[in-house]
């Protein structure tokens, strides 16, 4: 089962980064291998909101669709993804952003495995590179959106 835990410092406000990660509907515009997204079953409860998302991933010769439940905790600038159905054996993903004087600290974690042995082998071989590209895509998107929005904190 591939797992990745990554931390980074970003020069953006934590709530802006949470907003970017929670905007799952925009993923096909910038996220590698994300071909399409459909959002459904949205809910709001106190400082938390959530929804289910169907995502179509295209990677090499594989095209897979999966559904996940997304929970956004606005008060704690965190987001958690839980697997609902699709090609995975399991999938857990979390994002946490903590403000500091020059931006925010990002804590990212993903753990998953596929039911399909061949797909599992292909993804495992390229996992670290792929996850680096995913986190990098969010960082690039943040610079594109927030550099002009005054979210970029002074260094």
N, C-alpha and C. Protein backbone atom coordinates (compact mmCIF):
# COMPACT_ATOMS: atom_id res chain seq x y z
N UNK A 1 0.84 -1.19 0.00
CA UNK A 1 0.00 0.00 0.00
C UNK A 1 0.88 1.24 0.00
N UNK A 2 0.83 2.03 -1.07
CA UNK A 2 1.60 3.27 -1.07
C UNK A 2 1.05 4.27 -0.05
N UNK A 3 1.97 4.91 0.65
CA UNK A 3 1.62 5.97 1.60
C UNK A 3 2.57 7.12 1.35
N UNK A 4 2.08 8.31 1.61
CA UNK A 4 2.97 9.47 1.53
C UNK A 4 2.53 10.51 2.55
N UNK A 5 3.51 11.00 3.28
CA UNK A 5 3.29 12.10 4.21
C UNK A 5 4.24 13.20 3.78
N UNK A 6 3.71 14.38 3.56
CA UNK A 6 4.54 15.48 3.09
C UNK A 6 4.17 16.75 3.84
N UNK A 7 5.19 17.52 4.17
CA UNK A 7 4.97 18.83 4.78
C UNK A 7 5.69 19.87 3.93
N UNK A 8 5.10 21.03 3.86
CA UNK A 8 5.69 22.15 3.13
C UNK A 8 5.28 23.45 3.80
N UNK A 9 6.08 24.46 3.58
CA UNK A 9 5.68 25.80 3.98
C UNK A 9 5.28 26.54 2.71
N UNK A 10 4.13 27.21 2.77
CA UNK A 10 3.62 27.96 1.62
C UNK A 10 3.36 29.40 2.05
N UNK A 11 3.59 30.37 1.17
CA UNK A 11 3.42 31.78 1.54
C UNK A 11 1.99 32.29 1.39
N UNK A 12 1.02 31.44 1.70
CA UNK A 12 -0.39 31.78 1.55
C UNK A 12 -1.13 31.54 2.85
N UNK A 13 -2.26 32.20 3.01
CA UNK A 13 -3.10 32.01 4.20
C UNK A 13 -3.68 30.60 4.21
N UNK A 14 -3.78 30.02 5.40
CA UNK A 14 -4.29 28.65 5.55
C UNK A 14 -5.71 28.52 4.99
N UNK A 15 -6.57 29.50 5.26
CA UNK A 15 -7.95 29.38 4.77
C UNK A 15 -8.03 29.45 3.25
N UNK A 16 -7.12 30.19 2.61
CA UNK A 16 -7.09 30.22 1.15
C UNK A 16 -6.63 28.87 0.59
N UNK A 17 -5.65 28.26 1.21
CA UNK A 17 -5.18 26.95 0.76
C UNK A 17 -6.26 25.89 0.96
N UNK A 18 -6.99 25.97 2.07
CA UNK A 18 -8.09 25.03 2.29
C UNK A 18 -9.15 25.21 1.21
N UNK A 19 -9.47 26.45 0.88
CA UNK A 19 -10.46 26.74 -0.16
C UNK A 19 -10.03 26.12 -1.50
N UNK A 20 -8.75 26.23 -1.82
CA UNK A 20 -8.23 25.69 -3.07
C UNK A 20 -8.36 24.16 -3.10
N UNK A 21 -7.95 23.49 -2.02
CA UNK A 21 -8.01 22.03 -1.97
C UNK A 21 -9.46 21.55 -1.93
N UNK A 22 -10.34 22.29 -1.28
CA UNK A 22 -11.75 21.89 -1.19
C UNK A 22 -12.52 22.12 -2.49
N UNK A 23 -11.95 22.87 -3.42
CA UNK A 23 -12.60 23.14 -4.71
C UNK A 23 -12.36 21.97 -5.67
N UNK A 24 -12.88 20.83 -5.31
CA UNK A 24 -12.66 19.58 -6.05
C UNK A 24 -13.17 19.70 -7.49
N UNK A 25 -14.23 20.46 -7.70
CA UNK A 25 -14.77 20.63 -9.04
C UNK A 25 -13.79 21.24 -10.03
N UNK A 26 -12.78 21.96 -9.53
CA UNK A 26 -11.77 22.58 -10.39
C UNK A 26 -10.58 21.67 -10.68
N UNK A 27 -10.51 20.53 -10.05
CA UNK A 27 -9.34 19.65 -10.20
C UNK A 27 -8.98 19.33 -11.65
N UNK A 28 -9.95 19.07 -12.54
CA UNK A 28 -9.56 18.75 -13.92
C UNK A 28 -8.80 19.88 -14.63
N UNK A 29 -8.91 21.10 -14.13
CA UNK A 29 -8.21 22.23 -14.75
C UNK A 29 -6.71 22.21 -14.49
N UNK A 30 -6.27 21.56 -13.40
CA UNK A 30 -4.86 21.67 -13.03
C UNK A 30 -4.22 20.40 -12.47
N UNK A 31 -4.99 19.44 -12.08
CA UNK A 31 -4.44 18.27 -11.41
C UNK A 31 -4.09 17.17 -12.41
N UNK A 32 -2.84 16.72 -12.40
CA UNK A 32 -2.45 15.66 -13.34
C UNK A 32 -3.34 14.43 -13.19
N UNK A 33 -3.71 13.87 -14.29
CA UNK A 33 -4.47 12.63 -14.38
C UNK A 33 -5.94 12.76 -14.00
N UNK A 34 -6.37 13.90 -13.50
CA UNK A 34 -7.79 14.08 -13.17
C UNK A 34 -8.52 14.53 -14.42
N UNK A 35 -9.35 13.67 -14.95
CA UNK A 35 -10.03 13.93 -16.22
C UNK A 35 -11.40 14.61 -16.02
N UNK A 36 -12.14 14.20 -14.98
CA UNK A 36 -13.48 14.76 -14.75
C UNK A 36 -13.88 14.56 -13.29
N UNK A 37 -14.77 15.45 -12.82
CA UNK A 37 -15.29 15.37 -11.44
C UNK A 37 -16.77 15.69 -11.47
N UNK A 38 -17.52 14.97 -10.66
CA UNK A 38 -18.94 15.29 -10.45
C UNK A 38 -19.16 15.34 -8.94
N UNK A 39 -19.73 16.45 -8.46
CA UNK A 39 -20.00 16.63 -7.04
C UNK A 39 -21.46 16.33 -6.75
N UNK A 40 -21.72 15.70 -5.58
CA UNK A 40 -23.10 15.41 -5.18
C UNK A 40 -23.18 15.26 -3.67
N UNK A 41 -24.40 15.22 -3.18
CA UNK A 41 -24.70 15.04 -1.75
C UNK A 41 -23.96 16.04 -0.86
N UNK A 42 -24.06 17.32 -1.18
CA UNK A 42 -23.42 18.35 -0.37
C UNK A 42 -24.16 18.51 0.95
N UNK A 43 -23.43 18.86 2.02
CA UNK A 43 -24.02 19.08 3.33
C UNK A 43 -23.22 20.14 4.08
N UNK A 44 -23.86 20.72 5.10
CA UNK A 44 -23.24 21.73 5.96
C UNK A 44 -23.69 21.45 7.38
N UNK A 45 -22.75 21.46 8.32
CA UNK A 45 -23.08 21.24 9.72
C UNK A 45 -22.09 22.03 10.57
N UNK A 46 -22.55 23.12 11.15
CA UNK A 46 -21.66 23.96 11.95
C UNK A 46 -20.52 24.50 11.11
N UNK A 47 -19.28 24.32 11.59
CA UNK A 47 -18.11 24.82 10.87
C UNK A 47 -17.56 23.80 9.87
N UNK A 48 -18.31 22.71 9.64
CA UNK A 48 -17.89 21.68 8.68
C UNK A 48 -18.86 21.62 7.50
N UNK A 49 -18.31 21.26 6.37
CA UNK A 49 -19.13 21.01 5.18
C UNK A 49 -18.55 19.79 4.49
N UNK A 50 -19.31 19.28 3.54
CA UNK A 50 -18.81 18.11 2.83
C UNK A 50 -19.65 17.78 1.63
N UNK A 51 -19.22 16.76 0.94
CA UNK A 51 -19.90 16.30 -0.27
C UNK A 51 -19.29 14.98 -0.69
N UNK A 52 -19.96 14.32 -1.62
CA UNK A 52 -19.37 13.17 -2.29
C UNK A 52 -18.89 13.64 -3.65
N UNK A 53 -17.78 13.08 -4.10
CA UNK A 53 -17.22 13.43 -5.40
C UNK A 53 -16.92 12.17 -6.19
N UNK A 54 -17.39 12.14 -7.43
CA UNK A 54 -17.02 11.09 -8.37
C UNK A 54 -15.88 11.67 -9.21
N UNK A 55 -14.76 10.97 -9.26
CA UNK A 55 -13.60 11.46 -10.00
C UNK A 55 -13.16 10.43 -11.02
N UNK A 56 -12.90 10.90 -12.24
CA UNK A 56 -12.37 10.04 -13.30
C UNK A 56 -10.88 10.34 -13.43
N UNK A 57 -10.07 9.30 -13.24
CA UNK A 57 -8.62 9.40 -13.33
C UNK A 57 -8.16 8.65 -14.57
N UNK A 58 -7.31 9.30 -15.37
CA UNK A 58 -6.69 8.63 -16.52
C UNK A 58 -5.19 8.63 -16.28
N UNK A 59 -4.62 7.43 -16.24
CA UNK A 59 -3.19 7.28 -15.99
C UNK A 59 -2.66 6.19 -16.90
N UNK A 60 -1.78 6.58 -17.81
CA UNK A 60 -1.25 5.67 -18.83
C UNK A 60 -2.42 5.04 -19.57
N UNK A 61 -2.51 3.71 -19.58
CA UNK A 61 -3.60 3.05 -20.32
C UNK A 61 -4.83 2.81 -19.46
N UNK A 62 -4.82 3.26 -18.22
CA UNK A 62 -5.91 3.00 -17.29
C UNK A 62 -6.83 4.21 -17.17
N UNK A 63 -8.13 3.95 -17.13
CA UNK A 63 -9.13 4.96 -16.80
C UNK A 63 -10.00 4.36 -15.71
N UNK A 64 -10.06 5.04 -14.58
CA UNK A 64 -10.83 4.55 -13.43
C UNK A 64 -11.69 5.67 -12.87
N UNK A 65 -12.86 5.29 -12.36
CA UNK A 65 -13.75 6.23 -11.69
C UNK A 65 -13.93 5.77 -10.25
N UNK A 66 -13.85 6.71 -9.33
CA UNK A 66 -14.09 6.36 -7.93
C UNK A 66 -14.88 7.46 -7.25
N UNK A 67 -15.51 7.09 -6.15
CA UNK A 67 -16.30 8.03 -5.35
C UNK A 67 -15.66 8.15 -3.98
N UNK A 68 -15.55 9.37 -3.50
CA UNK A 68 -15.03 9.61 -2.16
C UNK A 68 -15.92 10.60 -1.43
N UNK A 69 -15.88 10.53 -0.11
CA UNK A 69 -16.59 11.47 0.75
C UNK A 69 -15.56 12.48 1.26
N UNK A 70 -15.86 13.76 1.08
CA UNK A 70 -14.94 14.83 1.45
C UNK A 70 -15.56 15.60 2.61
N UNK A 71 -14.79 15.78 3.68
CA UNK A 71 -15.23 16.54 4.85
C UNK A 71 -14.26 17.71 5.04
N UNK A 72 -14.79 18.92 5.02
CA UNK A 72 -13.99 20.13 5.16
C UNK A 72 -14.29 20.74 6.52
N UNK A 73 -13.27 20.87 7.37
CA UNK A 73 -13.41 21.49 8.68
C UNK A 73 -12.83 22.90 8.57
N UNK A 74 -13.71 23.87 8.38
CA UNK A 74 -13.29 25.25 8.14
C UNK A 74 -12.64 25.88 9.38
N UNK A 75 -13.07 25.51 10.56
CA UNK A 75 -12.51 26.08 11.78
C UNK A 75 -11.07 25.63 12.02
N UNK A 76 -10.74 24.43 11.56
CA UNK A 76 -9.40 23.88 11.77
C UNK A 76 -8.56 23.83 10.49
N UNK A 77 -9.07 24.43 9.42
CA UNK A 77 -8.35 24.46 8.13
C UNK A 77 -7.85 23.08 7.73
N UNK A 78 -8.76 22.11 7.77
CA UNK A 78 -8.39 20.74 7.42
C UNK A 78 -9.44 20.11 6.52
N UNK A 79 -9.01 19.10 5.78
CA UNK A 79 -9.88 18.39 4.85
C UNK A 79 -9.52 16.92 4.92
N UNK A 80 -10.54 16.07 4.94
CA UNK A 80 -10.32 14.62 4.99
C UNK A 80 -11.13 13.96 3.90
N UNK A 81 -10.52 13.01 3.21
CA UNK A 81 -11.15 12.26 2.14
C UNK A 81 -11.22 10.80 2.55
N UNK A 82 -12.41 10.22 2.42
CA UNK A 82 -12.61 8.79 2.70
C UNK A 82 -13.18 8.12 1.47
N UNK A 83 -12.74 6.92 1.22
CA UNK A 83 -13.17 6.14 0.07
C UNK A 83 -14.61 5.65 0.24
N UNK A 84 -15.39 5.73 -0.84
CA UNK A 84 -16.76 5.22 -0.84
C UNK A 84 -16.89 4.01 -1.76
N UNK A 85 -16.50 4.16 -3.04
CA UNK A 85 -16.57 3.02 -3.97
C UNK A 85 -15.69 3.28 -5.18
N UNK A 86 -15.33 2.18 -5.85
CA UNK A 86 -14.50 2.27 -7.05
C UNK A 86 -13.41 1.21 -7.05
N UNK A 87 -12.28 1.49 -7.69
CA UNK A 87 -11.24 0.48 -7.91
C UNK A 87 -10.28 0.28 -6.74
N UNK A 88 -10.42 1.08 -5.70
CA UNK A 88 -9.49 0.98 -4.58
C UNK A 88 -9.88 -0.11 -3.60
N UNK A 89 -8.88 -0.62 -2.94
CA UNK A 89 -9.10 -1.47 -1.77
C UNK A 89 -9.37 -0.54 -0.58
N UNK A 90 -8.57 0.52 -0.51
CA UNK A 90 -8.74 1.55 0.50
C UNK A 90 -8.17 2.87 -0.02
N UNK A 91 -8.66 3.98 0.52
CA UNK A 91 -8.16 5.31 0.19
C UNK A 91 -8.46 6.24 1.35
N UNK A 92 -7.42 6.87 1.86
CA UNK A 92 -7.55 7.90 2.88
C UNK A 92 -6.60 9.03 2.49
N UNK A 93 -7.08 10.25 2.62
CA UNK A 93 -6.29 11.40 2.23
C UNK A 93 -6.64 12.54 3.18
N UNK A 94 -5.63 13.27 3.65
CA UNK A 94 -5.93 14.41 4.52
C UNK A 94 -4.99 15.58 4.22
N UNK A 95 -5.53 16.76 4.45
CA UNK A 95 -4.80 18.01 4.29
C UNK A 95 -5.04 18.84 5.55
N UNK A 96 -3.99 19.47 6.07
CA UNK A 96 -4.11 20.36 7.23
C UNK A 96 -3.22 21.56 6.97
N UNK A 97 -3.76 22.75 7.21
CA UNK A 97 -3.03 24.00 7.01
C UNK A 97 -3.03 24.78 8.31
N UNK A 98 -1.85 25.26 8.72
CA UNK A 98 -1.71 26.03 9.96
C UNK A 98 -1.00 27.34 9.62
N UNK A 99 -1.67 28.46 9.92
CA UNK A 99 -1.09 29.78 9.66
C UNK A 99 0.14 30.02 10.51
N UNK A 100 1.09 30.75 9.94
CA UNK A 100 2.20 31.31 10.71
C UNK A 100 2.45 32.72 10.16
N UNK A 101 3.49 33.37 10.64
CA UNK A 101 3.69 34.78 10.28
C UNK A 101 4.07 35.00 8.81
N UNK A 102 4.53 33.96 8.11
CA UNK A 102 4.94 34.14 6.72
C UNK A 102 4.13 33.31 5.73
N UNK A 103 3.04 32.74 6.18
CA UNK A 103 2.22 31.90 5.30
C UNK A 103 1.52 30.82 6.08
N UNK A 104 1.67 29.60 5.60
CA UNK A 104 1.08 28.48 6.33
C UNK A 104 1.91 27.22 6.16
N UNK A 105 1.74 26.34 7.10
CA UNK A 105 2.40 25.04 7.09
C UNK A 105 1.39 24.03 6.55
N UNK A 106 1.77 23.27 5.55
CA UNK A 106 0.93 22.24 4.94
C UNK A 106 1.35 20.88 5.47
N UNK A 107 0.37 20.08 5.88
CA UNK A 107 0.60 18.69 6.26
C UNK A 107 -0.34 17.84 5.40
N UNK A 108 0.24 17.02 4.53
CA UNK A 108 -0.51 16.22 3.56
C UNK A 108 -0.22 14.74 3.80
N UNK A 109 -1.27 13.92 3.75
CA UNK A 109 -1.10 12.47 3.90
C UNK A 109 -2.04 11.76 2.95
N UNK A 110 -1.53 10.70 2.31
CA UNK A 110 -2.37 9.84 1.47
C UNK A 110 -1.93 8.40 1.68
N UNK A 111 -2.92 7.51 1.71
CA UNK A 111 -2.69 6.07 1.84
C UNK A 111 -3.75 5.38 0.99
N UNK A 112 -3.32 4.53 0.07
CA UNK A 112 -4.30 3.83 -0.76
C UNK A 112 -3.71 2.55 -1.32
N UNK A 113 -4.60 1.69 -1.76
CA UNK A 113 -4.22 0.50 -2.51
C UNK A 113 -5.35 0.17 -3.48
N UNK A 114 -4.98 -0.42 -4.61
CA UNK A 114 -5.94 -0.80 -5.64
C UNK A 114 -6.30 -2.28 -5.52
N UNK A 115 -7.48 -2.61 -5.95
CA UNK A 115 -7.88 -4.02 -6.03
C UNK A 115 -7.18 -4.72 -7.18
N UNK A 116 -6.96 -3.99 -8.28
CA UNK A 116 -6.33 -4.54 -9.48
C UNK A 116 -4.82 -4.64 -9.26
N UNK A 117 -4.30 -5.86 -9.29
CA UNK A 117 -2.88 -6.12 -9.02
C UNK A 117 -1.97 -5.38 -10.01
N UNK A 118 -2.32 -5.40 -11.28
CA UNK A 118 -1.49 -4.75 -12.30
C UNK A 118 -1.46 -3.24 -12.08
N UNK A 119 -2.61 -2.65 -11.86
CA UNK A 119 -2.68 -1.21 -11.61
C UNK A 119 -1.89 -0.86 -10.34
N UNK A 120 -2.00 -1.68 -9.32
CA UNK A 120 -1.26 -1.46 -8.08
C UNK A 120 0.25 -1.44 -8.34
N UNK A 121 0.74 -2.38 -9.13
CA UNK A 121 2.17 -2.45 -9.44
C UNK A 121 2.63 -1.22 -10.22
N UNK A 122 1.85 -0.82 -11.22
CA UNK A 122 2.20 0.36 -12.03
C UNK A 122 2.26 1.61 -11.16
N UNK A 123 1.23 1.81 -10.35
CA UNK A 123 1.16 3.01 -9.52
C UNK A 123 2.24 3.00 -8.44
N UNK A 124 2.49 1.85 -7.83
CA UNK A 124 3.51 1.77 -6.79
C UNK A 124 4.88 2.16 -7.33
N UNK A 125 5.20 1.73 -8.55
CA UNK A 125 6.50 2.04 -9.15
C UNK A 125 6.69 3.54 -9.37
N UNK A 126 5.61 4.25 -9.61
CA UNK A 126 5.68 5.68 -9.93
C UNK A 126 5.11 6.57 -8.82
N UNK A 127 4.81 5.98 -7.68
CA UNK A 127 4.03 6.66 -6.64
C UNK A 127 4.68 7.95 -6.14
N UNK A 128 5.94 7.89 -5.72
CA UNK A 128 6.56 9.08 -5.14
C UNK A 128 6.60 10.24 -6.14
N UNK A 129 6.97 9.93 -7.36
CA UNK A 129 7.00 10.97 -8.40
C UNK A 129 5.60 11.53 -8.64
N UNK A 130 4.61 10.65 -8.71
CA UNK A 130 3.23 11.07 -8.97
C UNK A 130 2.69 11.96 -7.84
N UNK A 131 2.92 11.57 -6.59
CA UNK A 131 2.42 12.37 -5.47
C UNK A 131 3.13 13.70 -5.38
N UNK A 132 4.41 13.73 -5.72
CA UNK A 132 5.13 15.00 -5.78
C UNK A 132 4.51 15.94 -6.81
N UNK A 133 4.10 15.37 -7.95
CA UNK A 133 3.44 16.17 -8.99
C UNK A 133 2.08 16.67 -8.53
N UNK A 134 1.37 15.86 -7.79
CA UNK A 134 0.04 16.26 -7.30
C UNK A 134 0.17 17.43 -6.32
N UNK A 135 1.03 17.29 -5.31
CA UNK A 135 1.20 18.38 -4.33
C UNK A 135 1.76 19.61 -5.04
N UNK A 136 2.68 19.41 -5.97
CA UNK A 136 3.23 20.53 -6.74
C UNK A 136 2.17 21.24 -7.56
N UNK A 137 1.21 20.49 -8.10
CA UNK A 137 0.13 21.09 -8.88
C UNK A 137 -0.73 22.02 -8.02
N UNK A 138 -0.99 21.62 -6.77
CA UNK A 138 -1.75 22.49 -5.86
C UNK A 138 -0.94 23.75 -5.54
N UNK A 139 0.35 23.60 -5.32
CA UNK A 139 1.19 24.75 -5.03
C UNK A 139 1.23 25.72 -6.22
N UNK A 140 1.39 25.19 -7.43
CA UNK A 140 1.39 26.02 -8.63
C UNK A 140 0.05 26.73 -8.80
N UNK A 141 -1.04 26.02 -8.53
CA UNK A 141 -2.37 26.61 -8.63
C UNK A 141 -2.53 27.75 -7.62
N UNK A 142 -2.01 27.55 -6.41
CA UNK A 142 -2.08 28.59 -5.37
C UNK A 142 -1.36 29.85 -5.83
N UNK A 143 -0.17 29.70 -6.40
CA UNK A 143 0.55 30.88 -6.90
C UNK A 143 -0.24 31.57 -8.00
N UNK A 144 -0.85 30.79 -8.89
CA UNK A 144 -1.61 31.36 -10.00
C UNK A 144 -2.83 32.15 -9.51
N UNK A 145 -3.49 31.64 -8.47
CA UNK A 145 -4.72 32.27 -7.99
C UNK A 145 -4.45 33.35 -6.94
N UNK A 146 -3.62 33.03 -5.95
CA UNK A 146 -3.52 33.88 -4.77
C UNK A 146 -2.40 34.92 -4.81
N UNK A 147 -1.47 34.83 -5.73
CA UNK A 147 -0.42 35.85 -5.81
C UNK A 147 -1.01 37.21 -6.11
N UNK A 148 -2.12 37.23 -6.82
CA UNK A 148 -2.74 38.50 -7.19
C UNK A 148 -3.88 38.88 -6.25
N UNK A 149 -4.15 38.06 -5.24
CA UNK A 149 -5.30 38.28 -4.35
C UNK A 149 -4.89 38.80 -2.98
N UNK A 150 -3.64 39.15 -2.81
CA UNK A 150 -3.11 39.60 -1.52
C UNK A 150 -3.14 38.51 -0.46
N UNK A 151 -3.20 37.26 -0.87
CA UNK A 151 -3.10 36.18 0.09
C UNK A 151 -1.64 35.85 0.34
N UNK A 152 -0.78 36.25 -0.59
CA UNK A 152 0.65 36.00 -0.47
C UNK A 152 1.16 36.83 0.70
N UNK A 153 1.69 36.16 1.71
CA UNK A 153 2.15 36.87 2.90
C UNK A 153 3.56 37.40 2.68
N UNK A 154 3.84 38.54 3.27
CA UNK A 154 5.17 39.14 3.15
C UNK A 154 6.21 38.22 3.78
N UNK A 155 7.35 38.15 3.14
CA UNK A 155 8.42 37.28 3.66
C UNK A 155 9.37 38.08 4.48
